[in-house]
Amino acid sequence: MNDQRQVLVRAESRDVSVSDVDGGRETLTYPGVTLTRVIAGVPDDEVWLPMGDRPSEVDDEALIEALRAAFRWRTGLP
């Protein structure tokens, strides 16, 4: 089963639409990293982690942990 599992890593942005003070809508764009777990060519799970211009140590640790969990999943480890 392990060779049917893949982890895809993509740098991409996400748009968020919010209301502004005048009642209009504003769209904000956030850069980030998307980790997609794929089984036999079919996406099974996806995690998006924001990535700012000045990432903190907490941001770095969250990305490292998400990568570790995804790659452990890829090899069939709990």
PDB file of N, CA and C in Angstrom:
ATOM      1  N   MET A   1       0.818  -1.195   0.000  1.00  0.00           N
ATOM      2  CA  MET A   1       0.000   0.000   0.000  1.00  0.00           C
ATOM      3  C   MET A   1       0.862   1.259   0.000  1.00  0.00           C
ATOM      4  N   ASN A   2       2.042   1.245   0.590  1.00  0.00           N
ATOM      5  CA  ASN A   2       2.864   2.450   0.718  1.00  0.00           C
ATOM      6  C   ASN A   2       3.213   3.080  -0.615  1.00  0.00           C
ATOM      7  N   ASP A   3       3.430   2.240  -1.674  1.00  0.00           N
ATOM      8  CA  ASP A   3       3.806   2.827  -2.953  1.00  0.00           C
ATOM      9  C   ASP A   3       2.618   3.485  -3.640  1.00  0.00           C
ATOM     10  N   GLN A   4       1.414   3.325  -3.122  1.00  0.00           N
ATOM     11  CA  GLN A   4       0.246   4.019  -3.660  1.00  0.00           C
ATOM     12  C   GLN A   4       0.042   5.364  -2.963  1.00  0.00           C
ATOM     13  N   ARG A   5       0.772   5.600  -1.898  1.00  0.00           N
ATOM     14  CA  ARG A   5       0.629   6.845  -1.139  1.00  0.00           C
ATOM     15  C   ARG A   5       1.670   7.862  -1.593  1.00  0.00           C
ATOM     16  N   GLN A   6       1.224   9.095  -1.747  1.00  0.00           N
ATOM     17  CA  GLN A   6       2.115  10.198  -2.104  1.00  0.00           C
ATOM     18  C   GLN A   6       1.808  11.390  -1.212  1.00  0.00           C
ATOM     19  N   VAL A   7       2.816  12.224  -1.027  1.00  0.00           N
ATOM     20  CA  VAL A   7       2.637  13.510  -0.356  1.00  0.00           C
ATOM     21  C   VAL A   7       3.075  14.579  -1.344  1.00  0.00           C
ATOM     22  N   LEU A   8       2.159  15.473  -1.679  1.00  0.00           N
ATOM     23  CA  LEU A   8       2.460  16.580  -2.580  1.00  0.00           C
ATOM     24  C   LEU A   8       2.658  17.847  -1.757  1.00  0.00           C
ATOM     25  N   VAL A   9       3.702  18.588  -2.061  1.00  0.00           N
ATOM     26  CA  VAL A   9       4.012  19.832  -1.353  1.00  0.00           C
ATOM     27  C   VAL A   9       3.999  20.953  -2.382  1.00  0.00           C
ATOM     28  N   ARG A  10       3.126  21.957  -2.143  1.00  0.00           N
ATOM     29  CA  ARG A  10       3.010  23.079  -3.080  1.00  0.00           C
ATOM     30  C   ARG A  10       3.053  24.405  -2.317  1.00  0.00           C
ATOM     31  N   ALA A  11       3.795  25.347  -2.859  1.00  0.00           N
ATOM     32  CA  ALA A  11       3.736  26.717  -2.353  1.00  0.00           C
ATOM     33  C   ALA A  11       2.635  27.411  -3.135  1.00  0.00           C
ATOM     34  N   GLU A  12       1.645  27.937  -2.435  1.00  0.00           N
ATOM     35  CA  GLU A  12       0.532  28.609  -3.112  1.00  0.00           C
ATOM     36  C   GLU A  12      -0.127  29.605  -2.172  1.00  0.00           C
ATOM     37  N   SER A  13      -0.901  30.477  -2.732  1.00  0.00           N
ATOM     38  CA  SER A  13      -1.598  31.491  -1.943  1.00  0.00           C
ATOM     39  C   SER A  13      -3.070  31.139  -1.821  1.00  0.00           C
ATOM     40  N   ARG A  14      -3.671  31.639  -0.773  1.00  0.00           N
ATOM     41  CA  ARG A  14      -5.113  31.490  -0.573  1.00  0.00           C
ATOM     42  C   ARG A  14      -5.708  32.876  -0.431  1.00  0.00           C
ATOM     43  N   ASP A  15      -6.890  33.057  -0.993  1.00  0.00           N
ATOM     44  CA  ASP A  15      -7.603  34.331  -0.894  1.00  0.00           C
ATOM     45  C   ASP A  15      -8.696  34.213   0.148  1.00  0.00           C
ATOM     46  N   VAL A  16      -8.822  35.254   0.963  1.00  0.00           N
ATOM     47  CA  VAL A  16      -9.868  35.325   1.977  1.00  0.00           C
ATOM     48  C   VAL A  16     -10.631  36.619   1.757  1.00  0.00           C
ATOM     49  N   SER A  17     -11.941  36.526   1.656  1.00  0.00           N
ATOM     50  CA  SER A  17     -12.775  37.700   1.453  1.00  0.00           C
ATOM     51  C   SER A  17     -13.379  38.108   2.795  1.00  0.00           C
ATOM     52  N   VAL A  18     -13.205  39.374   3.158  1.00  0.00           N
ATOM     53  CA  VAL A  18     -13.711  39.889   4.436  1.00  0.00           C
ATOM     54  C   VAL A  18     -14.486  41.183   4.208  1.00  0.00           C
ATOM     55  N   SER A  19     -15.362  41.491   5.140  1.00  0.00           N
ATOM     56  CA  SER A  19     -16.106  42.751   5.075  1.00  0.00           C
ATOM     57  C   SER A  19     -15.216  43.879   5.563  1.00  0.00           C
ATOM     58  N   ASP A  20     -15.266  45.007   4.854  1.00  0.00           N
ATOM     59  CA  ASP A  20     -14.516  46.163   5.336  1.00  0.00           C
ATOM     60  C   ASP A  20     -15.443  47.067   6.144  1.00  0.00           C
ATOM     61  N   VAL A  21     -14.917  48.154   6.664  1.00  0.00           N
ATOM     62  CA  VAL A  21     -15.684  49.049   7.541  1.00  0.00           C
ATOM     63  C   VAL A  21     -16.872  49.701   6.857  1.00  0.00           C
ATOM     64  N   ASP A  22     -16.821  49.866   5.548  1.00  0.00           N
ATOM     65  CA  ASP A  22     -17.906  50.499   4.809  1.00  0.00           C
ATOM     66  C   ASP A  22     -18.960  49.501   4.332  1.00  0.00           C
ATOM     67  N   GLY A  23     -18.852  48.253   4.740  1.00  0.00           N
ATOM     68  CA  GLY A  23     -19.817  47.239   4.330  1.00  0.00           C
ATOM     69  C   GLY A  23     -19.471  46.552   3.018  1.00  0.00           C
ATOM     70  N   GLY A  24     -18.380  46.976   2.391  1.00  0.00           N
ATOM     71  CA  GLY A  24     -17.933  46.325   1.157  1.00  0.00           C
ATOM     72  C   GLY A  24     -17.127  45.073   1.465  1.00  0.00           C
ATOM     73  N   ARG A  25     -16.614  44.486   0.440  1.00  0.00           N
ATOM     74  CA  ARG A  25     -15.808  43.276   0.602  1.00  0.00           C
ATOM     75  C   ARG A  25     -14.375  43.574   0.181  1.00  0.00           C
ATOM     76  N   GLU A  26     -13.453  43.015   0.904  1.00  0.00           N
ATOM     77  CA  GLU A  26     -12.038  43.130   0.563  1.00  0.00           C
ATOM     78  C   GLU A  26     -11.450  41.726   0.512  1.00  0.00           C
ATOM     79  N   THR A  27     -10.604  41.484  -0.463  1.00  0.00           N
ATOM     80  CA  THR A  27      -9.972  40.181  -0.586  1.00  0.00           C
ATOM     81  C   THR A  27      -8.510  40.298  -0.177  1.00  0.00           C
ATOM     82  N   LEU A  28      -8.116  39.469   0.763  1.00  0.00           N
ATOM     83  CA  LEU A  28      -6.734  39.417   1.227  1.00  0.00           C
ATOM     84  C   LEU A  28      -6.107  38.128   0.711  1.00  0.00           C
ATOM     85  N   THR A  29      -4.863  38.197   0.313  1.00  0.00           N
ATOM     86  CA  THR A  29      -4.160  37.031  -0.194  1.00  0.00           C
ATOM     87  C   THR A  29      -3.057  36.654   0.787  1.00  0.00           C
ATOM     88  N   TYR A  30      -3.022  35.378   1.166  1.00  0.00           N
ATOM     89  CA  TYR A  30      -2.030  34.866   2.097  1.00  0.00           C
ATOM     90  C   TYR A  30      -1.190  33.785   1.422  1.00  0.00           C
ATOM     91  N   PRO A  31       0.142  33.934   1.422  1.00  0.00           N
ATOM     92  CA  PRO A  31       0.983  32.868   0.888  1.00  0.00           C
ATOM     93  C   PRO A  31       1.056  31.718   1.889  1.00  0.00           C
ATOM     94  N   GLY A  32       1.290  30.528   1.377  1.00  0.00           N
ATOM     95  CA  GLY A  32       1.392  29.387   2.275  1.00  0.00           C
ATOM     96  C   GLY A  32       1.904  28.154   1.573  1.00  0.00           C
ATOM     97  N   VAL A  33       1.869  27.049   2.295  1.00  0.00           N
ATOM     98  CA  VAL A  33       2.304  25.752   1.801  1.00  0.00           C
ATOM     99  C   VAL A  33       1.141  24.782   1.967  1.00  0.00           C
ATOM    100  N   THR A  34       0.811  24.058   0.900  1.00  0.00           N
ATOM    101  CA  THR A  34      -0.239  23.044   0.953  1.00  0.00           C
ATOM    102  C   THR A  34       0.395  21.668   0.891  1.00  0.00           C
ATOM    103  N   LEU A  35       0.036  20.816   1.851  1.00  0.00           N
ATOM    104  CA  LEU A  35       0.461  19.417   1.862  1.00  0.00           C
ATOM    105  C   LEU A  35      -0.769  18.579   1.537  1.00  0.00           C
ATOM    106  N   THR A  36      -0.696  17.799   0.473  1.00  0.00           N
ATOM    107  CA  THR A  36      -1.822  16.959   0.070  1.00  0.00           C
ATOM    108  C   THR A  36      -1.404  15.498   0.160  1.00  0.00           C
ATOM    109  N   ARG A  37      -2.188  14.713   0.891  1.00  0.00           N
ATOM    110  CA  ARG A  37      -1.957  13.266   0.967  1.00  0.00           C
ATOM    111  C   ARG A  37      -2.807  12.611  -0.112  1.00  0.00           C
ATOM    112  N   VAL A  38      -2.169  11.778  -0.944  1.00  0.00           N
ATOM    113  CA  VAL A  38      -2.824  11.154  -2.085  1.00  0.00           C
ATOM    114  C   VAL A  38      -2.687   9.640  -1.971  1.00  0.00           C
ATOM    115  N   ILE A  39      -3.804   8.932  -2.154  1.00  0.00           N
ATOM    116  CA  ILE A  39      -3.795   7.473  -2.171  1.00  0.00           C
ATOM    117  C   ILE A  39      -4.264   7.022  -3.544  1.00  0.00           C
ATOM    118  N   ALA A  40      -3.407   6.269  -4.235  1.00  0.00           N
ATOM    119  CA  ALA A  40      -3.724   5.735  -5.563  1.00  0.00           C
ATOM    120  C   ALA A  40      -4.235   6.823  -6.503  1.00  0.00           C
ATOM    121  N   GLY A  41      -3.603   7.997  -6.465  1.00  0.00           N
ATOM    122  CA  GLY A  41      -3.951   9.080  -7.359  1.00  0.00           C
ATOM    123  C   GLY A  41      -5.124   9.936  -6.931  1.00  0.00           C
ATOM    124  N   VAL A  42      -5.748   9.614  -5.783  1.00  0.00           N
ATOM    125  CA  VAL A  42      -6.925  10.353  -5.319  1.00  0.00           C
ATOM    126  C   VAL A  42      -6.566  11.134  -4.047  1.00  0.00           C
ATOM    127  N   PRO A  43      -6.746  12.470  -4.038  1.00  0.00           N
ATOM    128  CA  PRO A  43      -6.474  13.235  -2.816  1.00  0.00           C
ATOM    129  C   PRO A  43      -7.307  12.715  -1.645  1.00  0.00           C
ATOM    130  N   ASP A  44      -6.641  12.517  -0.507  1.00  0.00           N
ATOM    131  CA  ASP A  44      -7.296  11.978   0.681  1.00  0.00           C
ATOM    132  C   ASP A  44      -7.416  13.022   1.781  1.00  0.00           C
ATOM    133  N   ASP A  45      -6.431  13.909   1.885  1.00  0.00           N
ATOM    134  CA  ASP A  45      -6.416  14.905   2.951  1.00  0.00           C
ATOM    135  C   ASP A  45      -5.534  16.065   2.492  1.00  0.00           C
ATOM    136  N   GLU A  46      -5.840  17.262   3.006  1.00  0.00           N
ATOM    137  CA  GLU A  46      -5.057  18.425   2.630  1.00  0.00           C
ATOM    138  C   GLU A  46      -4.896  19.336   3.833  1.00  0.00           C
ATOM    139  N   VAL A  47      -3.688  19.856   3.997  1.00  0.00           N
ATOM    140  CA  VAL A  47      -3.396  20.802   5.078  1.00  0.00           C
ATOM    141  C   VAL A  47      -2.732  22.018   4.447  1.00  0.00           C
ATOM    142  N   TRP A  48      -3.208  23.196   4.791  1.00  0.00           N
ATOM    143  CA  TRP A  48      -2.599  24.422   4.311  1.00  0.00           C
ATOM    144  C   TRP A  48      -2.012  25.158   5.508  1.00  0.00           C
ATOM    145  N   LEU A  49      -0.753  25.560   5.381  1.00  0.00           N
ATOM    146  CA  LEU A  49      -0.067  26.285   6.453  1.00  0.00           C
ATOM    147  C   LEU A  49       0.328  27.660   5.933  1.00  0.00           C
ATOM    148  N   PRO A  50      -0.092  28.726   6.625  1.00  0.00           N
ATOM    149  CA  PRO A  50       0.281  30.070   6.174  1.00  0.00           C
ATOM    150  C   PRO A  50       1.790  30.280   6.286  1.00  0.00           C
ATOM    151  N   MET A  51       2.320  31.118   5.396  1.00  0.00           N
ATOM    152  CA  MET A  51       3.747  31.381   5.377  1.00  0.00           C
ATOM    153  C   MET A  51       3.926  32.872   5.127  1.00  0.00           C
ATOM    154  N   GLY A  52       4.296  33.592   6.139  1.00  0.00           N
ATOM    155  CA  GLY A  52       4.448  35.034   5.992  1.00  0.00           C
ATOM    156  C   GLY A  52       5.833  35.439   5.530  1.00  0.00           C
ATOM    157  N   ASP A  53       6.009  36.740   5.329  1.00  0.00           N
ATOM    158  CA  ASP A  53       7.313  37.267   4.927  1.00  0.00           C
ATOM    159  C   ASP A  53       8.360  37.078   6.013  1.00  0.00           C
ATOM    160  N   ARG A  54       7.895  37.087   7.249  1.00  0.00           N
ATOM    161  CA  ARG A  54       8.794  36.944   8.391  1.00  0.00           C
ATOM    162  C   ARG A  54       8.285  35.819   9.292  1.00  0.00           C
ATOM    163  N   PRO A  55       8.465  34.558   8.868  1.00  0.00           N
ATOM    164  CA  PRO A  55       7.945  33.449   9.655  1.00  0.00           C
ATOM    165  C   PRO A  55       8.624  33.376  11.019  1.00  0.00           C
ATOM    166  N   SER A  56       7.829  32.995  12.001  1.00  0.00           N
ATOM    167  CA  SER A  56       8.344  32.864  13.354  1.00  0.00           C
ATOM    168  C   SER A  56       8.853  31.441  13.577  1.00  0.00           C
ATOM    169  N   GLU A  57       9.472  31.224  14.688  1.00  0.00           N
ATOM    170  CA  GLU A  57       9.914  29.870  15.048  1.00  0.00           C
ATOM    171  C   GLU A  57       8.707  28.944  15.182  1.00  0.00           C
ATOM    172  N   VAL A  58       7.591  29.481  15.673  1.00  0.00           N
ATOM    173  CA  VAL A  58       6.362  28.687  15.785  1.00  0.00           C
ATOM    174  C   VAL A  58       5.878  28.257  14.397  1.00  0.00           C
ATOM    175  N   ASP A  59       5.931  29.174  13.411  1.00  0.00           N
ATOM    176  CA  ASP A  59       5.559  28.839  12.032  1.00  0.00           C
ATOM    177  C   ASP A  59       6.457  27.729  11.486  1.00  0.00           C
ATOM    178  N   ASP A  60       7.757  27.877  11.712  1.00  0.00           N
ATOM    179  CA  ASP A  60       8.711  26.869  11.235  1.00  0.00           C
ATOM    180  C   ASP A  60       8.439  25.504  11.866  1.00  0.00           C
ATOM    181  N   GLU A  61       8.193  25.480  13.157  1.00  0.00           N
ATOM    182  CA  GLU A  61       7.930  24.217  13.853  1.00  0.00           C
ATOM    183  C   GLU A  61       6.626  23.578  13.367  1.00  0.00           C
ATOM    184  N   ALA A  62       5.614  24.389  13.080  1.00  0.00           N
ATOM    185  CA  ALA A  62       4.345  23.845  12.564  1.00  0.00           C
ATOM    186  C   ALA A  62       4.563  23.194  11.203  1.00  0.00           C
ATOM    187  N   LEU A  63       5.360  23.828  10.336  1.00  0.00           N
ATOM    188  CA  LEU A  63       5.645  23.255   9.017  1.00  0.00           C
ATOM    189  C   LEU A  63       6.453  21.963   9.159  1.00  0.00           C
ATOM    190  N   ILE A  64       7.454  21.969  10.003  1.00  0.00           N
ATOM    191  CA  ILE A  64       8.267  20.766  10.211  1.00  0.00           C
ATOM    192  C   ILE A  64       7.401  19.621  10.722  1.00  0.00           C
ATOM    193  N   GLU A  65       6.537  19.884  11.679  1.00  0.00           N
ATOM    194  CA  GLU A  65       5.674  18.830  12.228  1.00  0.00           C
ATOM    195  C   GLU A  65       4.688  18.308  11.187  1.00  0.00           C
ATOM    196  N   ALA A  66       4.126  19.211  10.371  1.00  0.00           N
ATOM    197  CA  ALA A  66       3.191  18.781   9.331  1.00  0.00           C
ATOM    198  C   ALA A  66       3.898  17.927   8.288  1.00  0.00           C
ATOM    199  N   LEU A  67       5.111  18.315   7.895  1.00  0.00           N
ATOM    200  CA  LEU A  67       5.894  17.517   6.953  1.00  0.00           C
ATOM    201  C   LEU A  67       6.236  16.157   7.540  1.00  0.00           C
ATOM    202  N   ARG A  68       6.650  16.149   8.785  1.00  0.00           N
ATOM    203  CA  ARG A  68       7.001  14.890   9.453  1.00  0.00           C
ATOM    204  C   ARG A  68       5.797  13.951   9.487  1.00  0.00           C
ATOM    205  N   ALA A  69       4.651  14.463   9.882  1.00  0.00           N
ATOM    206  CA  ALA A  69       3.439  13.636   9.955  1.00  0.00           C
ATOM    207  C   ALA A  69       3.054  13.111   8.572  1.00  0.00           C
ATOM    208  N   ALA A  70       3.156  13.955   7.556  1.00  0.00           N
ATOM    209  CA  ALA A  70       2.793  13.538   6.200  1.00  0.00           C
ATOM    210  C   ALA A  70       3.735  12.453   5.680  1.00  0.00           C
ATOM    211  N   PHE A  71       5.012  12.614   5.918  1.00  0.00           N
ATOM    212  CA  PHE A  71       5.964  11.616   5.424  1.00  0.00           C
ATOM    213  C   PHE A  71       5.890  10.317   6.219  1.00  0.00           C
ATOM    214  N   ARG A  72       5.565  10.402   7.496  1.00  0.00           N
ATOM    215  CA  ARG A  72       5.335   9.173   8.278  1.00  0.00           C
ATOM    216  C   ARG A  72       4.096   8.455   7.728  1.00  0.00           C
ATOM    217  N   TRP A  73       3.056   9.209   7.417  1.00  0.00           N
ATOM    218  CA  TRP A  73       1.854   8.628   6.815  1.00  0.00           C
ATOM    219  C   TRP A  73       2.214   7.937   5.499  1.00  0.00           C
ATOM    220  N   ARG A  74       3.063   8.591   4.687  1.00  0.00           N
ATOM    221  CA  ARG A  74       3.484   8.053   3.391  1.00  0.00           C
ATOM    222  C   ARG A  74       4.142   6.673   3.541  1.00  0.00           C
ATOM    223  N   THR A  75       4.934   6.507   4.603  1.00  0.00           N
ATOM    224  CA  THR A  75       5.644   5.232   4.800  1.00  0.00           C
ATOM    225  C   THR A  75       4.847   4.230   5.623  1.00  0.00           C
ATOM    226  N   GLY A  76       3.633   4.610   6.038  1.00  0.00           N
ATOM    227  CA  GLY A  76       2.770   3.695   6.779  1.00  0.00           C
ATOM    228  C   GLY A  76       3.008   3.683   8.277  1.00  0.00           C
ATOM    229  N   LEU A  77       3.803   4.637   8.778  1.00  0.00           N
ATOM    230  CA  LEU A  77       4.046   4.711  10.220  1.00  0.00           C
ATOM    231  C   LEU A  77       2.923   5.501  10.899  1.00  0.00           C
ATOM    232  N   PRO A  78       2.643   5.161  12.142  1.00  0.00           N
ATOM    233  CA  PRO A  78       1.586   5.895  12.871  1.00  0.00           C
ATOM    234  C   PRO A  78       1.997   7.317  13.200  1.00  0.00           C
TER     235      PRO A  78
END
